[in-house]
Amino acid sequence: MAKSLQQIEDYYLAKGLRGEELRNVLEKDREYQRLLQERKSRIRNKYGISEEEEKEYLLPNEEDYEILSLVKLLENKNLSNIDSQTVKLIKAQLLDDWRGSLLEKLKQLLQKYS
């Protein structure tokens, strides 16, 4: 019977592996990596996300793929300026450096109301 991602992770947890050590072992586990790639591919196809987009954005959960999919749909709509800015800010939250866009927006607001 084929193992699941969770079963493989549980196996290593039962052996006492945690944190960085667990991550390193899972990165080297071929079956885990194969299952992970299959899962990512299914989710990517479900939400219409390209491999390039998957590399650009942090998408650890299926909800993150759904967020990016909805953002892409909204970007193709004729949004108001405020809605467009909101979508842009939401999309930026999926980036590795998401804090930069928040700081930029907060500084703009502070300047506007100072």
PDB file of N, CA and C in Angstrom:
ATOM      1  N   MET A   1       0.840  -1.187   0.000  1.00  0.00           N
ATOM      2  CA  MET A   1       0.000   0.000   0.000  1.00  0.00           C
ATOM      3  C   MET A   1       0.879   1.242   0.000  1.00  0.00           C
ATOM      4  N   ALA A   2       0.546   2.203  -0.840  1.00  0.00           N
ATOM      5  CA  ALA A   2       1.323   3.435  -0.943  1.00  0.00           C
ATOM      6  C   ALA A   2       1.143   4.275   0.317  1.00  0.00           C
ATOM      7  N   LYS A   3       2.220   4.904   0.715  1.00  0.00           N
ATOM      8  CA  LYS A   3       2.183   5.768   1.890  1.00  0.00           C
ATOM      9  C   LYS A   3       1.731   7.165   1.476  1.00  0.00           C
ATOM     10  N   SER A   4       1.235   7.898   2.457  1.00  0.00           N
ATOM     11  CA  SER A   4       0.870   9.292   2.219  1.00  0.00           C
ATOM     12  C   SER A   4       1.995  10.187   2.731  1.00  0.00           C
ATOM     13  N   LEU A   5       1.944  11.458   2.359  1.00  0.00           N
ATOM     14  CA  LEU A   5       2.925  12.416   2.863  1.00  0.00           C
ATOM     15  C   LEU A   5       2.921  12.422   4.390  1.00  0.00           C
ATOM     16  N   GLN A   6       1.722  12.410   4.974  1.00  0.00           N
ATOM     17  CA  GLN A   6       1.608  12.453   6.429  1.00  0.00           C
ATOM     18  C   GLN A   6       2.184  11.194   7.073  1.00  0.00           C
ATOM     19  N   GLN A   7       1.959  10.043   6.474  1.00  0.00           N
ATOM     20  CA  GLN A   7       2.498   8.799   7.026  1.00  0.00           C
ATOM     21  C   GLN A   7       4.022   8.808   7.016  1.00  0.00           C
ATOM     22  N   ILE A   8       4.598   9.330   5.951  1.00  0.00           N
ATOM     23  CA  ILE A   8       6.059   9.396   5.868  1.00  0.00           C
ATOM     24  C   ILE A   8       6.590  10.359   6.920  1.00  0.00           C
ATOM     25  N   GLU A   9       5.957  11.515   7.044  1.00  0.00           N
ATOM     26  CA  GLU A   9       6.391  12.485   8.053  1.00  0.00           C
ATOM     27  C   GLU A   9       6.230  11.913   9.462  1.00  0.00           C
ATOM     28  N   ASP A  10       5.116  11.247   9.712  1.00  0.00           N
ATOM     29  CA  ASP A  10       4.884  10.634  11.026  1.00  0.00           C
ATOM     30  C   ASP A  10       5.943   9.592  11.361  1.00  0.00           C
ATOM     31  N   TYR A  11       6.385   8.847  10.356  1.00  0.00           N
ATOM     32  CA  TYR A  11       7.429   7.842  10.549  1.00  0.00           C
ATOM     33  C   TYR A  11       8.693   8.495  11.098  1.00  0.00           C
ATOM     34  N   TYR A  12       9.097   9.601  10.474  1.00  0.00           N
ATOM     35  CA  TYR A  12      10.316  10.284  10.921  1.00  0.00           C
ATOM     36  C   TYR A  12      10.115  10.974  12.270  1.00  0.00           C
ATOM     37  N   LEU A  13       8.922  11.473  12.512  1.00  0.00           N
ATOM     38  CA  LEU A  13       8.631  12.079  13.813  1.00  0.00           C
ATOM     39  C   LEU A  13       8.725  11.032  14.919  1.00  0.00           C
ATOM     40  N   ALA A  14       8.230   9.829  14.628  1.00  0.00           N
ATOM     41  CA  ALA A  14       8.294   8.739  15.599  1.00  0.00           C
ATOM     42  C   ALA A  14       9.733   8.338  15.905  1.00  0.00           C
ATOM     43  N   LYS A  15      10.625   8.591  14.945  1.00  0.00           N
ATOM     44  CA  LYS A  15      12.050   8.311  15.160  1.00  0.00           C
ATOM     45  C   LYS A  15      12.735   9.441  15.932  1.00  0.00           C
ATOM     46  N   GLY A  16      11.965  10.476  16.281  1.00  0.00           N
ATOM     47  CA  GLY A  16      12.499  11.568  17.079  1.00  0.00           C
ATOM     48  C   GLY A  16      13.054  12.741  16.292  1.00  0.00           C
ATOM     49  N   LEU A  17      12.858  12.740  14.986  1.00  0.00           N
ATOM     50  CA  LEU A  17      13.376  13.847  14.173  1.00  0.00           C
ATOM     51  C   LEU A  17      12.434  15.043  14.265  1.00  0.00           C
ATOM     52  N   ARG A  18      13.023  16.227  14.385  1.00  0.00           N
ATOM     53  CA  ARG A  18      12.248  17.462  14.481  1.00  0.00           C
ATOM     54  C   ARG A  18      12.983  18.580  13.754  1.00  0.00           C
ATOM     55  N   GLY A  19      12.265  19.639  13.449  1.00  0.00           N
ATOM     56  CA  GLY A  19      12.858  20.853  12.917  1.00  0.00           C
ATOM     57  C   GLY A  19      13.699  20.647  11.674  1.00  0.00           C
ATOM     58  N   GLU A  20      14.885  21.240  11.708  1.00  0.00           N
ATOM     59  CA  GLU A  20      15.805  21.218  10.561  1.00  0.00           C
ATOM     60  C   GLU A  20      16.188  19.787  10.179  1.00  0.00           C
ATOM     61  N   GLU A  21      16.380  18.955  11.173  1.00  0.00           N
ATOM     62  CA  GLU A  21      16.752  17.559  10.914  1.00  0.00           C
ATOM     63  C   GLU A  21      15.635  16.835  10.150  1.00  0.00           C
ATOM     64  N   LEU A  22      14.400  17.067  10.554  1.00  0.00           N
ATOM     65  CA  LEU A  22      13.252  16.464   9.869  1.00  0.00           C
ATOM     66  C   LEU A  22      13.157  16.983   8.436  1.00  0.00           C
ATOM     67  N   ARG A  23      13.295  18.294   8.275  1.00  0.00           N
ATOM     68  CA  ARG A  23      13.223  18.893   6.940  1.00  0.00           C
ATOM     69  C   ARG A  23      14.285  18.305   6.018  1.00  0.00           C
ATOM     70  N   ASN A  24      15.503  18.155   6.519  1.00  0.00           N
ATOM     71  CA  ASN A  24      16.591  17.601   5.706  1.00  0.00           C
ATOM     72  C   ASN A  24      16.303  16.168   5.271  1.00  0.00           C
ATOM     73  N   VAL A  25      15.778  15.369   6.184  1.00  0.00           N
ATOM     74  CA  VAL A  25      15.470  13.971   5.862  1.00  0.00           C
ATOM     75  C   VAL A  25      14.345  13.897   4.831  1.00  0.00           C
ATOM     76  N   LEU A  26      13.321  14.734   4.994  1.00  0.00           N
ATOM     77  CA  LEU A  26      12.204  14.727   4.048  1.00  0.00           C
ATOM     78  C   LEU A  26      12.644  15.194   2.664  1.00  0.00           C
ATOM     79  N   GLU A  27      13.583  16.136   2.602  1.00  0.00           N
ATOM     80  CA  GLU A  27      14.101  16.589   1.309  1.00  0.00           C
ATOM     81  C   GLU A  27      14.852  15.478   0.581  1.00  0.00           C
ATOM     82  N   LYS A  28      15.413  14.541   1.325  1.00  0.00           N
ATOM     83  CA  LYS A  28      16.182  13.446   0.725  1.00  0.00           C
ATOM     84  C   LYS A  28      15.341  12.196   0.472  1.00  0.00           C
ATOM     85  N   ASP A  29      14.149  12.143   1.057  1.00  0.00           N
ATOM     86  CA  ASP A  29      13.277  10.977   0.907  1.00  0.00           C
ATOM     87  C   ASP A  29      12.617  11.020  -0.473  1.00  0.00           C
ATOM     88  N   ARG A  30      12.992  10.100  -1.343  1.00  0.00           N
ATOM     89  CA  ARG A  30      12.504  10.104  -2.727  1.00  0.00           C
ATOM     90  C   ARG A  30      10.996   9.923  -2.821  1.00  0.00           C
ATOM     91  N   GLU A  31      10.461   8.999  -2.024  1.00  0.00           N
ATOM     92  CA  GLU A  31       9.016   8.763  -2.074  1.00  0.00           C
ATOM     93  C   GLU A  31       8.258  10.006  -1.613  1.00  0.00           C
ATOM     94  N   TYR A  32       8.726  10.639  -0.555  1.00  0.00           N
ATOM     95  CA  TYR A  32       8.092  11.856  -0.054  1.00  0.00           C
ATOM     96  C   TYR A  32       8.121  12.949  -1.122  1.00  0.00           C
ATOM     97  N   GLN A  33       9.272  13.136  -1.755  1.00  0.00           N
ATOM     98  CA  GLN A  33       9.416  14.166  -2.784  1.00  0.00           C
ATOM     99  C   GLN A  33       8.541  13.876  -4.004  1.00  0.00           C
ATOM    100  N   ARG A  34       8.433  12.599  -4.379  1.00  0.00           N
ATOM    101  CA  ARG A  34       7.575  12.226  -5.507  1.00  0.00           C
ATOM    102  C   ARG A  34       6.115  12.546  -5.188  1.00  0.00           C
ATOM    103  N   LEU A  35       5.661  12.151  -4.001  1.00  0.00           N
ATOM    104  CA  LEU A  35       4.287  12.422  -3.589  1.00  0.00           C
ATOM    105  C   LEU A  35       4.025  13.925  -3.485  1.00  0.00           C
ATOM    106  N   LEU A  36       5.007  14.655  -2.987  1.00  0.00           N
ATOM    107  CA  LEU A  36       4.873  16.102  -2.854  1.00  0.00           C
ATOM    108  C   LEU A  36       4.725  16.761  -4.225  1.00  0.00           C
ATOM    109  N   GLN A  37       5.530  16.327  -5.186  1.00  0.00           N
ATOM    110  CA  GLN A  37       5.445  16.888  -6.538  1.00  0.00           C
ATOM    111  C   GLN A  37       4.108  16.543  -7.199  1.00  0.00           C
ATOM    112  N   GLU A  38       3.613  15.325  -6.972  1.00  0.00           N
ATOM    113  CA  GLU A  38       2.306  14.935  -7.514  1.00  0.00           C
ATOM    114  C   GLU A  38       1.203  15.803  -6.919  1.00  0.00           C
ATOM    115  N   ARG A  39       1.268  16.028  -5.611  1.00  0.00           N
ATOM    116  CA  ARG A  39       0.274  16.856  -4.926  1.00  0.00           C
ATOM    117  C   ARG A  39       0.313  18.277  -5.470  1.00  0.00           C
ATOM    118  N   LYS A  40       1.515  18.841  -5.576  1.00  0.00           N
ATOM    119  CA  LYS A  40       1.653  20.206  -6.092  1.00  0.00           C
ATOM    120  C   LYS A  40       1.102  20.307  -7.517  1.00  0.00           C
ATOM    121  N   SER A  41       1.381  19.312  -8.332  1.00  0.00           N
ATOM    122  CA  SER A  41       0.915  19.315  -9.714  1.00  0.00           C
ATOM    123  C   SER A  41      -0.613  19.297  -9.780  1.00  0.00           C
ATOM    124  N   ARG A  42      -1.240  18.457  -8.957  1.00  0.00           N
ATOM    125  CA  ARG A  42      -2.709  18.385  -8.921  1.00  0.00           C
ATOM    126  C   ARG A  42      -3.304  19.736  -8.512  1.00  0.00           C
ATOM    127  N   ILE A  43      -2.740  20.323  -7.460  1.00  0.00           N
ATOM    128  CA  ILE A  43      -3.258  21.602  -6.965  1.00  0.00           C
ATOM    129  C   ILE A  43      -3.008  22.709  -7.988  1.00  0.00           C
ATOM    130  N   ARG A  44      -1.827  22.707  -8.584  1.00  0.00           N
ATOM    131  CA  ARG A  44      -1.476  23.709  -9.599  1.00  0.00           C
ATOM    132  C   ARG A  44      -2.485  23.659 -10.752  1.00  0.00           C
ATOM    133  N   ASN A  45      -2.790  22.457 -11.222  1.00  0.00           N
ATOM    134  CA  ASN A  45      -3.744  22.290 -12.322  1.00  0.00           C
ATOM    135  C   ASN A  45      -5.156  22.697 -11.915  1.00  0.00           C
ATOM    136  N   LYS A  46      -5.533  22.370 -10.694  1.00  0.00           N
ATOM    137  CA  LYS A  46      -6.870  22.700 -10.186  1.00  0.00           C
ATOM    138  C   LYS A  46      -7.111  24.208 -10.202  1.00  0.00           C
ATOM    139  N   TYR A  47      -6.081  24.987  -9.861  1.00  0.00           N
ATOM    140  CA  TYR A  47      -6.240  26.438  -9.746  1.00  0.00           C
ATOM    141  C   TYR A  47      -5.624  27.224 -10.905  1.00  0.00           C
ATOM    142  N   GLY A  48      -5.087  26.536 -11.895  1.00  0.00           N
ATOM    143  CA  GLY A  48      -4.536  27.219 -13.061  1.00  0.00           C
ATOM    144  C   GLY A  48      -3.293  28.036 -12.759  1.00  0.00           C
ATOM    145  N   ILE A  49      -2.435  27.509 -11.907  1.00  0.00           N
ATOM    146  CA  ILE A  49      -1.196  28.187 -11.522  1.00  0.00           C
ATOM    147  C   ILE A  49      -0.045  27.551 -12.297  1.00  0.00           C
ATOM    148  N   SER A  50       0.795  28.382 -12.890  1.00  0.00           N
ATOM    149  CA  SER A  50       1.937  27.857 -13.650  1.00  0.00           C
ATOM    150  C   SER A  50       3.087  27.494 -12.707  1.00  0.00           C
ATOM    151  N   GLU A  51       4.011  26.697 -13.213  1.00  0.00           N
ATOM    152  CA  GLU A  51       5.191  26.347 -12.420  1.00  0.00           C
ATOM    153  C   GLU A  51       6.010  27.587 -12.096  1.00  0.00           C
ATOM    154  N   GLU A  52       6.065  28.541 -13.027  1.00  0.00           N
ATOM    155  CA  GLU A  52       6.806  29.784 -12.797  1.00  0.00           C
ATOM    156  C   GLU A  52       6.182  30.569 -11.649  1.00  0.00           C
ATOM    157  N   GLU A  53       4.850  30.644 -11.638  1.00  0.00           N
ATOM    158  CA  GLU A  53       4.158  31.340 -10.548  1.00  0.00           C
ATOM    159  C   GLU A  53       4.379  30.614  -9.229  1.00  0.00           C
ATOM    160  N   GLU A  54       4.391  29.304  -9.286  1.00  0.00           N
ATOM    161  CA  GLU A  54       4.607  28.512  -8.080  1.00  0.00           C
ATOM    162  C   GLU A  54       5.988  28.798  -7.491  1.00  0.00           C
ATOM    163  N   LYS A  55       6.966  29.036  -8.357  1.00  0.00           N
ATOM    164  CA  LYS A  55       8.316  29.352  -7.889  1.00  0.00           C
ATOM    165  C   LYS A  55       8.400  30.773  -7.350  1.00  0.00           C
ATOM    166  N   GLU A  56       7.625  31.686  -7.935  1.00  0.00           N
ATOM    167  CA  GLU A  56       7.680  33.100  -7.552  1.00  0.00           C
ATOM    168  C   GLU A  56       7.000  33.367  -6.209  1.00  0.00           C
ATOM    169  N   TYR A  57       5.924  32.645  -5.925  1.00  0.00           N
ATOM    170  CA  TYR A  57       5.126  32.908  -4.735  1.00  0.00           C
ATOM    171  C   TYR A  57       5.258  31.784  -3.716  1.00  0.00           C
ATOM    172  N   LEU A  58       5.059  32.154  -2.446  1.00  0.00           N
ATOM    173  CA  LEU A  58       5.040  31.159  -1.378  1.00  0.00           C
ATOM    174  C   LEU A  58       3.644  30.554  -1.344  1.00  0.00           C
ATOM    175  N   LEU A  59       3.562  29.274  -1.639  1.00  0.00           N
ATOM    176  CA  LEU A  59       2.273  28.599  -1.710  1.00  0.00           C
ATOM    177  C   LEU A  59       2.314  27.301  -0.901  1.00  0.00           C
ATOM    178  N   PRO A  60       2.474  27.406   0.423  1.00  0.00           N
ATOM    179  CA  PRO A  60       2.586  26.186   1.227  1.00  0.00           C
ATOM    180  C   PRO A  60       1.267  25.438   1.418  1.00  0.00           C
ATOM    181  N   ASN A  61       0.144  26.140   1.286  1.00  0.00           N
ATOM    182  CA  ASN A  61      -1.164  25.524   1.503  1.00  0.00           C
ATOM    183  C   ASN A  61      -2.025  25.647   0.254  1.00  0.00           C
ATOM    184  N   GLU A  62      -2.997  24.766   0.142  1.00  0.00           N
ATOM    185  CA  GLU A  62      -3.898  24.830  -1.010  1.00  0.00           C
ATOM    186  C   GLU A  62      -4.639  26.165  -1.049  1.00  0.00           C
ATOM    187  N   GLU A  63      -4.939  26.717   0.125  1.00  0.00           N
ATOM    188  CA  GLU A  63      -5.619  28.008   0.181  1.00  0.00           C
ATOM    189  C   GLU A  63      -4.797  29.102  -0.501  1.00  0.00           C
ATOM    190  N   ASP A  64      -3.466  29.004  -0.416  1.00  0.00           N
ATOM    191  CA  ASP A  64      -2.601  29.992  -1.059  1.00  0.00           C
ATOM    192  C   ASP A  64      -2.718  29.912  -2.582  1.00  0.00           C
ATOM    193  N   TYR A  65      -2.849  28.703  -3.121  1.00  0.00           N
ATOM    194  CA  TYR A  65      -3.068  28.528  -4.561  1.00  0.00           C
ATOM    195  C   TYR A  65      -4.414  29.150  -4.950  1.00  0.00           C
ATOM    196  N   GLU A  66      -5.413  28.930  -4.112  1.00  0.00           N
ATOM    197  CA  GLU A  66      -6.735  29.490  -4.393  1.00  0.00           C
ATOM    198  C   GLU A  66      -6.693  31.018  -4.362  1.00  0.00           C
ATOM    199  N   ILE A  67      -5.977  31.583  -3.389  1.00  0.00           N
ATOM    200  CA  ILE A  67      -5.834  33.042  -3.310  1.00  0.00           C
ATOM    201  C   ILE A  67      -5.203  33.573  -4.588  1.00  0.00           C
ATOM    202  N   LEU A  68      -4.106  32.966  -5.023  1.00  0.00           N
ATOM    203  CA  LEU A  68      -3.433  33.426  -6.237  1.00  0.00           C
ATOM    204  C   LEU A  68      -4.347  33.286  -7.456  1.00  0.00           C
ATOM    205  N   SER A  69      -5.102  32.214  -7.517  1.00  0.00           N
ATOM    206  CA  SER A  69      -6.036  32.006  -8.625  1.00  0.00           C
ATOM    207  C   SER A  69      -7.094  33.108  -8.660  1.00  0.00           C
ATOM    208  N   LEU A  70      -7.642  33.445  -7.506  1.00  0.00           N
ATOM    209  CA  LEU A  70      -8.652  34.505  -7.433  1.00  0.00           C
ATOM    210  C   LEU A  70      -8.048  35.868  -7.760  1.00  0.00           C
ATOM    211  N   VAL A  71      -6.829  36.106  -7.301  1.00  0.00           N
ATOM    212  CA  VAL A  71      -6.131  37.355  -7.624  1.00  0.00           C
ATOM    213  C   VAL A  71      -5.975  37.484  -9.134  1.00  0.00           C
ATOM    214  N   LYS A  72      -5.554  36.394  -9.787  1.00  0.00           N
ATOM    215  CA  LYS A  72      -5.371  36.422 -11.243  1.00  0.00           C
ATOM    216  C   LYS A  72      -6.686  36.734 -11.959  1.00  0.00           C
ATOM    217  N   LEU A  73      -7.782  36.154 -11.484  1.00  0.00           N
ATOM    218  CA  LEU A  73      -9.093  36.433 -12.081  1.00  0.00           C
ATOM    219  C   LEU A  73      -9.467  37.902 -11.895  1.00  0.00           C
ATOM    220  N   LEU A  74      -9.242  38.416 -10.692  1.00  0.00           N
ATOM    221  CA  LEU A  74      -9.594  39.806 -10.402  1.00  0.00           C
ATOM    222  C   LEU A  74      -8.722  40.796 -11.170  1.00  0.00           C
ATOM    223  N   GLU A  75      -7.470  40.436 -11.414  1.00  0.00           N
ATOM    224  CA  GLU A  75      -6.570  41.319 -12.162  1.00  0.00           C
ATOM    225  C   GLU A  75      -7.068  41.543 -13.597  1.00  0.00           C
ATOM    226  N   ASN A  76      -7.867  40.621 -14.096  1.00  0.00           N
ATOM    227  CA  ASN A  76      -8.400  40.738 -15.456  1.00  0.00           C
ATOM    228  C   ASN A  76      -9.747  41.461 -15.505  1.00  0.00           C
ATOM    229  N   LYS A  77     -10.209  41.932 -14.353  1.00  0.00           N
ATOM    230  CA  LYS A  77     -11.478  42.666 -14.285  1.00  0.00           C
ATOM    231  C   LYS A  77     -11.197  44.168 -14.285  1.00  0.00           C
ATOM    232  N   ASN A  78     -12.211  44.929 -14.596  1.00  0.00           N
ATOM    233  CA  ASN A  78     -12.110  46.388 -14.576  1.00  0.00           C
ATOM    234  C   ASN A  78     -12.412  46.866 -13.151  1.00  0.00           C
ATOM    235  N   LEU A  79     -11.407  46.797 -12.287  1.00  0.00           N
ATOM    236  CA  LEU A  79     -11.585  47.121 -10.873  1.00  0.00           C
ATOM    237  C   LEU A  79     -11.436  48.616 -10.626  1.00  0.00           C
ATOM    238  N   SER A  80     -12.063  49.067  -9.545  1.00  0.00           N
ATOM    239  CA  SER A  80     -11.838  50.443  -9.113  1.00  0.00           C
ATOM    240  C   SER A  80     -10.392  50.555  -8.636  1.00  0.00           C
ATOM    241  N   ASN A  81      -9.910  51.766  -8.515  1.00  0.00           N
ATOM    242  CA  ASN A  81      -8.533  51.993  -8.079  1.00  0.00           C
ATOM    243  C   ASN A  81      -8.278  51.368  -6.707  1.00  0.00           C
ATOM    244  N   ILE A  82      -9.195  51.555  -5.774  1.00  0.00           N
ATOM    245  CA  ILE A  82      -9.016  51.027  -4.416  1.00  0.00           C
ATOM    246  C   ILE A  82      -9.049  49.500  -4.420  1.00  0.00           C
ATOM    247  N   ASP A  83      -9.952  48.907  -5.217  1.00  0.00           N
ATOM    248  CA  ASP A  83     -10.014  47.441  -5.298  1.00  0.00           C
ATOM    249  C   ASP A  83      -8.759  46.883  -5.962  1.00  0.00           C
ATOM    250  N   SER A  84      -8.267  47.571  -6.961  1.00  0.00           N
ATOM    251  CA  SER A  84      -7.036  47.155  -7.631  1.00  0.00           C
ATOM    252  C   SER A  84      -5.853  47.178  -6.662  1.00  0.00           C
ATOM    253  N   GLN A  85      -5.787  48.227  -5.836  1.00  0.00           N
ATOM    254  CA  GLN A  85      -4.726  48.316  -4.829  1.00  0.00           C
ATOM    255  C   GLN A  85      -4.853  47.199  -3.796  1.00  0.00           C
ATOM    256  N   THR A  86      -6.083  46.887  -3.418  1.00  0.00           N
ATOM    257  CA  THR A  86      -6.321  45.808  -2.451  1.00  0.00           C
ATOM    258  C   THR A  86      -5.847  44.472  -3.014  1.00  0.00           C
ATOM    259  N   VAL A  87      -6.188  44.194  -4.264  1.00  0.00           N
ATOM    260  CA  VAL A  87      -5.772  42.943  -4.914  1.00  0.00           C
ATOM    261  C   VAL A  87      -4.248  42.883  -5.007  1.00  0.00           C
ATOM    262  N   LYS A  88      -3.631  44.010  -5.352  1.00  0.00           N
ATOM    263  CA  LYS A  88      -2.167  44.072  -5.444  1.00  0.00           C
ATOM    264  C   LYS A  88      -1.529  43.779  -4.086  1.00  0.00           C
ATOM    265  N   LEU A  89      -2.092  44.341  -3.019  1.00  0.00           N
ATOM    266  CA  LEU A  89      -1.568  44.110  -1.675  1.00  0.00           C
ATOM    267  C   LEU A  89      -1.745  42.649  -1.261  1.00  0.00           C
ATOM    268  N   ILE A  90      -2.892  42.074  -1.586  1.00  0.00           N
ATOM    269  CA  ILE A  90      -3.136  40.663  -1.265  1.00  0.00           C
ATOM    270  C   ILE A  90      -2.141  39.777  -2.009  1.00  0.00           C
ATOM    271  N   LYS A  91      -1.917  40.052  -3.281  1.00  0.00           N
ATOM    272  CA  LYS A  91      -0.964  39.267  -4.075  1.00  0.00           C
ATOM    273  C   LYS A  91       0.439  39.362  -3.486  1.00  0.00           C
ATOM    274  N   ALA A  92       0.796  40.546  -3.007  1.00  0.00           N
ATOM    275  CA  ALA A  92       2.126  40.752  -2.427  1.00  0.00           C
ATOM    276  C   ALA A  92       2.329  39.917  -1.165  1.00  0.00           C
ATOM    277  N   GLN A  93       1.237  39.537  -0.501  1.00  0.00           N
ATOM    278  CA  GLN A  93       1.351  38.729   0.711  1.00  0.00           C
ATOM    279  C   GLN A  93       1.840  37.314   0.408  1.00  0.00           C
ATOM    280  N   LEU A  94       1.777  36.926  -0.853  1.00  0.00           N
ATOM    281  CA  LEU A  94       2.243  35.602  -1.261  1.00  0.00           C
ATOM    282  C   LEU A  94       3.724  35.598  -1.634  1.00  0.00           C
ATOM    283  N   LEU A  95       4.342  36.772  -1.620  1.00  0.00           N
ATOM    284  CA  LEU A  95       5.770  36.872  -1.933  1.00  0.00           C
ATOM    285  C   LEU A  95       6.613  36.568  -0.706  1.00  0.00           C
ATOM    286  N   ASP A  96       7.849  36.170  -0.954  1.00  0.00           N
ATOM    287  CA  ASP A  96       8.782  35.898   0.138  1.00  0.00           C
ATOM    288  C   ASP A  96       9.009  37.156   0.977  1.00  0.00           C
ATOM    289  N   ASP A  97       9.110  38.306   0.310  1.00  0.00           N
ATOM    290  CA  ASP A  97       9.338  39.577   0.997  1.00  0.00           C
ATOM    291  C   ASP A  97       8.027  40.356   1.099  1.00  0.00           C
ATOM    292  N   TRP A  98       7.024  39.772   1.727  1.00  0.00           N
ATOM    293  CA  TRP A  98       5.711  40.391   1.827  1.00  0.00           C
ATOM    294  C   TRP A  98       5.702  41.606   2.734  1.00  0.00           C
ATOM    295  N   ARG A  99       6.647  41.704   3.648  1.00  0.00           N
ATOM    296  CA  ARG A  99       6.672  42.832   4.576  1.00  0.00           C
ATOM    297  C   ARG A  99       6.969  44.153   3.862  1.00  0.00           C
ATOM    298  N   GLY A 100       7.770  44.083   2.801  1.00  0.00           N
ATOM    299  CA  GLY A 100       8.128  45.289   2.056  1.00  0.00           C
ATOM    300  C   GLY A 100       6.914  46.015   1.513  1.00  0.00           C
ATOM    301  N   SER A 101       5.980  45.265   0.934  1.00  0.00           N
ATOM    302  CA  SER A 101       4.780  45.897   0.374  1.00  0.00           C
ATOM    303  C   SER A 101       3.892  46.475   1.473  1.00  0.00           C
ATOM    304  N   LEU A 102       3.856  45.820   2.626  1.00  0.00           N
ATOM    305  CA  LEU A 102       3.077  46.358   3.741  1.00  0.00           C
ATOM    306  C   LEU A 102       3.688  47.655   4.250  1.00  0.00           C
ATOM    307  N   LEU A 103       4.999  47.661   4.414  1.00  0.00           N
ATOM    308  CA  LEU A 103       5.677  48.878   4.869  1.00  0.00           C
ATOM    309  C   LEU A 103       5.452  50.029   3.896  1.00  0.00           C
ATOM    310  N   GLU A 104       5.557  49.736   2.613  1.00  0.00           N
ATOM    311  CA  GLU A 104       5.353  50.764   1.584  1.00  0.00           C
ATOM    312  C   GLU A 104       3.950  51.359   1.682  1.00  0.00           C
ATOM    313  N   LYS A 105       2.950  50.501   1.803  1.00  0.00           N
ATOM    314  CA  LYS A 105       1.562  50.967   1.885  1.00  0.00           C
ATOM    315  C   LYS A 105       1.329  51.752   3.172  1.00  0.00           C
ATOM    316  N   LEU A 106       1.872  51.286   4.280  1.00  0.00           N
ATOM    317  CA  LEU A 106       1.708  51.999   5.549  1.00  0.00           C
ATOM    318  C   LEU A 106       2.357  53.377   5.505  1.00  0.00           C
ATOM    319  N   LYS A 107       3.520  53.468   4.884  1.00  0.00           N
ATOM    320  CA  LYS A 107       4.202  54.762   4.757  1.00  0.00           C
ATOM    321  C   LYS A 107       3.398  55.714   3.879  1.00  0.00           C
ATOM    322  N   GLN A 108       2.784  55.184   2.814  1.00  0.00           N
ATOM    323  CA  GLN A 108       1.935  56.016   1.949  1.00  0.00           C
ATOM    324  C   GLN A 108       0.746  56.562   2.736  1.00  0.00           C
ATOM    325  N   LEU A 109       0.130  55.692   3.530  1.00  0.00           N
ATOM    326  CA  LEU A 109      -1.017  56.122   4.329  1.00  0.00           C
ATOM    327  C   LEU A 109      -0.606  57.150   5.376  1.00  0.00           C
ATOM    328  N   LEU A 110       0.532  56.934   6.013  1.00  0.00           N
ATOM    329  CA  LEU A 110       1.015  57.874   7.021  1.00  0.00           C
ATOM    330  C   LEU A 110       1.274  59.243   6.402  1.00  0.00           C
ATOM    331  N   GLN A 111       1.898  59.237   5.226  1.00  0.00           N
ATOM    332  CA  GLN A 111       2.172  60.497   4.531  1.00  0.00           C
ATOM    333  C   GLN A 111       0.857  61.182   4.139  1.00  0.00           C
ATOM    334  N   LYS A 112      -0.104  60.401   3.699  1.00  0.00           N
ATOM    335  CA  LYS A 112      -1.397  60.947   3.283  1.00  0.00           C
ATOM    336  C   LYS A 112      -2.109  61.633   4.445  1.00  0.00           C
ATOM    337  N   TYR A 113      -2.001  61.060   5.634  1.00  0.00           N
ATOM    338  CA  TYR A 113      -2.740  61.576   6.780  1.00  0.00           C
ATOM    339  C   TYR A 113      -1.884  62.373   7.751  1.00  0.00           C
ATOM    340  N   SER A 114      -0.688  62.745   7.348  1.00  0.00           N
ATOM    341  CA  SER A 114       0.184  63.561   8.215  1.00  0.00           C
ATOM    342  C   SER A 114       0.081  65.024   7.861  1.00  0.00           C
TER     343      SER A 114
END
